N, C-alpha and C. Protein backbone atom coordinates (compact mmCIF):
# COMPACT_ATOMS: atom_id res chain seq x y z
N UNK A 1 -16.99 -91.55 -42.56
CA UNK A 1 -18.20 -90.80 -42.94
C UNK A 1 -17.87 -89.35 -43.16
N UNK A 2 -17.16 -88.76 -42.21
CA UNK A 2 -16.81 -87.34 -42.34
C UNK A 2 -15.90 -87.11 -43.54
N UNK A 3 -14.97 -88.05 -43.76
CA UNK A 3 -14.04 -87.90 -44.89
C UNK A 3 -14.79 -87.96 -46.21
N UNK A 4 -15.79 -88.85 -46.31
CA UNK A 4 -16.57 -88.98 -47.54
C UNK A 4 -17.33 -87.69 -47.81
N UNK A 5 -17.93 -87.12 -46.76
CA UNK A 5 -18.68 -85.87 -46.92
C UNK A 5 -17.73 -84.76 -47.37
N UNK A 6 -16.55 -84.70 -46.75
CA UNK A 6 -15.58 -83.66 -47.10
C UNK A 6 -15.16 -83.79 -48.56
N UNK A 7 -14.90 -85.03 -49.00
CA UNK A 7 -14.51 -85.25 -50.39
C UNK A 7 -15.64 -84.84 -51.34
N UNK A 8 -16.87 -85.16 -50.97
CA UNK A 8 -18.01 -84.80 -51.82
C UNK A 8 -18.13 -83.28 -51.95
N UNK A 9 -17.97 -82.58 -50.82
CA UNK A 9 -18.07 -81.11 -50.85
C UNK A 9 -16.93 -80.53 -51.68
N UNK A 10 -15.72 -81.06 -51.50
CA UNK A 10 -14.58 -80.56 -52.28
C UNK A 10 -14.79 -80.81 -53.77
N UNK A 11 -15.30 -81.98 -54.12
CA UNK A 11 -15.57 -82.28 -55.53
C UNK A 11 -16.61 -81.31 -56.08
N UNK A 12 -17.63 -81.01 -55.28
CA UNK A 12 -18.65 -80.06 -55.71
C UNK A 12 -18.06 -78.68 -55.93
N UNK A 13 -17.19 -78.25 -55.02
CA UNK A 13 -16.56 -76.94 -55.16
C UNK A 13 -15.70 -76.90 -56.42
N UNK A 14 -14.99 -78.00 -56.70
CA UNK A 14 -14.16 -78.05 -57.91
C UNK A 14 -15.05 -77.97 -59.15
N UNK A 15 -16.21 -78.63 -59.11
CA UNK A 15 -17.13 -78.56 -60.24
C UNK A 15 -17.62 -77.14 -60.45
N UNK A 16 -17.97 -76.45 -59.35
CA UNK A 16 -18.44 -75.07 -59.46
C UNK A 16 -17.35 -74.19 -60.05
N UNK A 17 -16.11 -74.36 -59.55
CA UNK A 17 -14.99 -73.57 -60.07
C UNK A 17 -14.77 -73.87 -61.54
N UNK A 18 -14.91 -75.15 -61.92
CA UNK A 18 -14.71 -75.52 -63.32
C UNK A 18 -15.80 -74.95 -64.22
N UNK A 19 -17.04 -74.92 -63.72
CA UNK A 19 -18.14 -74.39 -64.52
C UNK A 19 -17.95 -72.90 -64.79
N UNK A 20 -17.53 -72.15 -63.78
CA UNK A 20 -17.39 -70.71 -63.96
C UNK A 20 -16.06 -70.37 -64.64
N UNK A 21 -15.01 -71.15 -64.32
CA UNK A 21 -13.70 -70.96 -64.94
C UNK A 21 -13.30 -69.48 -64.94
N UNK A 22 -13.41 -68.84 -63.77
CA UNK A 22 -13.08 -67.42 -63.65
C UNK A 22 -11.98 -67.22 -62.63
N UNK A 23 -11.35 -66.07 -62.70
CA UNK A 23 -10.38 -65.72 -61.65
C UNK A 23 -11.17 -65.40 -60.39
N UNK A 24 -10.57 -65.58 -59.21
CA UNK A 24 -11.28 -65.29 -57.96
C UNK A 24 -11.87 -63.88 -57.97
N UNK A 25 -13.15 -63.80 -57.72
CA UNK A 25 -13.82 -62.50 -57.67
C UNK A 25 -14.89 -62.55 -56.59
N UNK A 26 -15.46 -61.41 -56.27
CA UNK A 26 -16.48 -61.36 -55.22
C UNK A 26 -17.66 -62.25 -55.58
N UNK A 27 -18.10 -62.20 -56.83
CA UNK A 27 -19.24 -63.01 -57.25
C UNK A 27 -18.97 -64.49 -57.07
N UNK A 28 -17.77 -64.92 -57.48
CA UNK A 28 -17.42 -66.34 -57.36
C UNK A 28 -17.37 -66.76 -55.90
N UNK A 29 -16.84 -65.86 -55.05
CA UNK A 29 -16.77 -66.17 -53.62
C UNK A 29 -18.18 -66.36 -53.06
N UNK A 30 -19.11 -65.48 -53.47
CA UNK A 30 -20.48 -65.61 -52.97
C UNK A 30 -21.11 -66.91 -53.45
N UNK A 31 -20.84 -67.27 -54.69
CA UNK A 31 -21.41 -68.51 -55.24
C UNK A 31 -20.89 -69.72 -54.46
N UNK A 32 -19.57 -69.75 -54.22
CA UNK A 32 -18.98 -70.87 -53.49
C UNK A 32 -19.51 -70.92 -52.06
N UNK A 33 -19.65 -69.74 -51.43
CA UNK A 33 -20.17 -69.70 -50.06
C UNK A 33 -21.60 -70.21 -50.03
N UNK A 34 -22.42 -69.79 -50.99
CA UNK A 34 -23.82 -70.23 -51.04
C UNK A 34 -23.88 -71.74 -51.26
N UNK A 35 -23.02 -72.25 -52.17
CA UNK A 35 -23.00 -73.69 -52.45
C UNK A 35 -22.61 -74.46 -51.20
N UNK A 36 -21.63 -73.93 -50.45
CA UNK A 36 -21.19 -74.60 -49.23
C UNK A 36 -22.33 -74.66 -48.21
N UNK A 37 -23.06 -73.54 -48.08
CA UNK A 37 -24.18 -73.51 -47.13
C UNK A 37 -25.25 -74.52 -47.55
N UNK A 38 -25.53 -74.59 -48.85
CA UNK A 38 -26.54 -75.54 -49.34
C UNK A 38 -26.10 -76.96 -49.02
N UNK A 39 -24.81 -77.26 -49.21
CA UNK A 39 -24.30 -78.60 -48.90
C UNK A 39 -24.47 -78.91 -47.42
N UNK A 40 -24.14 -77.93 -46.57
CA UNK A 40 -24.25 -78.16 -45.12
C UNK A 40 -25.70 -78.43 -44.73
N UNK A 41 -26.64 -77.62 -45.27
CA UNK A 41 -28.05 -77.83 -44.93
C UNK A 41 -28.54 -79.17 -45.46
N UNK A 42 -28.10 -79.55 -46.65
CA UNK A 42 -28.51 -80.83 -47.22
C UNK A 42 -28.01 -81.98 -46.36
N UNK A 43 -26.74 -81.88 -45.92
CA UNK A 43 -26.17 -82.93 -45.07
C UNK A 43 -26.95 -83.02 -43.77
N UNK A 44 -27.24 -81.87 -43.15
CA UNK A 44 -27.98 -81.88 -41.88
C UNK A 44 -29.38 -82.44 -42.09
N UNK A 45 -29.98 -82.13 -43.26
CA UNK A 45 -31.36 -82.57 -43.52
C UNK A 45 -31.42 -84.07 -43.77
N UNK A 46 -30.52 -84.58 -44.60
CA UNK A 46 -30.59 -85.99 -44.98
C UNK A 46 -29.96 -86.92 -43.95
N UNK A 47 -28.98 -86.40 -43.18
CA UNK A 47 -28.28 -87.27 -42.23
C UNK A 47 -28.92 -87.26 -40.86
N UNK A 48 -29.81 -86.31 -40.58
CA UNK A 48 -30.47 -86.26 -39.27
C UNK A 48 -31.95 -86.59 -39.44
N UNK A 49 -32.23 -87.79 -39.91
CA UNK A 49 -33.63 -88.16 -40.13
C UNK A 49 -34.36 -88.38 -38.81
N UNK A 50 -33.62 -88.73 -37.75
CA UNK A 50 -34.26 -88.87 -36.44
C UNK A 50 -34.82 -87.52 -36.01
N UNK A 51 -34.04 -86.45 -36.22
CA UNK A 51 -34.49 -85.11 -35.88
C UNK A 51 -35.71 -84.74 -36.71
N UNK A 52 -35.69 -85.14 -37.99
CA UNK A 52 -36.82 -84.87 -38.88
C UNK A 52 -38.08 -85.57 -38.36
N UNK A 53 -37.93 -86.82 -37.91
CA UNK A 53 -39.08 -87.55 -37.38
C UNK A 53 -39.62 -86.86 -36.13
N UNK A 54 -38.71 -86.36 -35.27
CA UNK A 54 -39.15 -85.67 -34.06
C UNK A 54 -39.92 -84.41 -34.42
N UNK A 55 -39.44 -83.68 -35.42
CA UNK A 55 -40.13 -82.46 -35.84
C UNK A 55 -41.52 -82.81 -36.38
N UNK A 56 -41.61 -83.89 -37.16
CA UNK A 56 -42.91 -84.30 -37.70
C UNK A 56 -43.87 -84.66 -36.56
N UNK A 57 -43.37 -85.36 -35.54
CA UNK A 57 -44.22 -85.73 -34.41
C UNK A 57 -44.73 -84.49 -33.70
N UNK A 58 -43.83 -83.50 -33.48
CA UNK A 58 -44.24 -82.29 -32.78
C UNK A 58 -45.24 -81.49 -33.60
N UNK A 59 -45.07 -81.49 -34.93
CA UNK A 59 -45.99 -80.73 -35.78
C UNK A 59 -47.37 -81.39 -35.78
N UNK A 60 -47.40 -82.72 -35.75
CA UNK A 60 -48.68 -83.42 -35.77
C UNK A 60 -49.38 -83.33 -34.42
N UNK A 61 -48.63 -83.08 -33.34
CA UNK A 61 -49.25 -82.98 -32.02
C UNK A 61 -49.99 -81.67 -31.82
C-alpha cells in the first residue's frame, strides 16, 4: 500500500516536472511542494474514512 502511494506521488511529481519543463527554480520548488502537500492531504482524506465518519458524527451531535 505504501509503495503504491509512493509510486503514485513520484509519477505525479514527474508529470508536474514534465509539464513545466524548466530548470530548478524557486517557483518550481514551490509548485512541487504545494503538489506534495495536496497529495498528502488527499491521501489522508480518502484513506481515513473512519476518521471522516467520526468527524461527521461529532458535527451532527
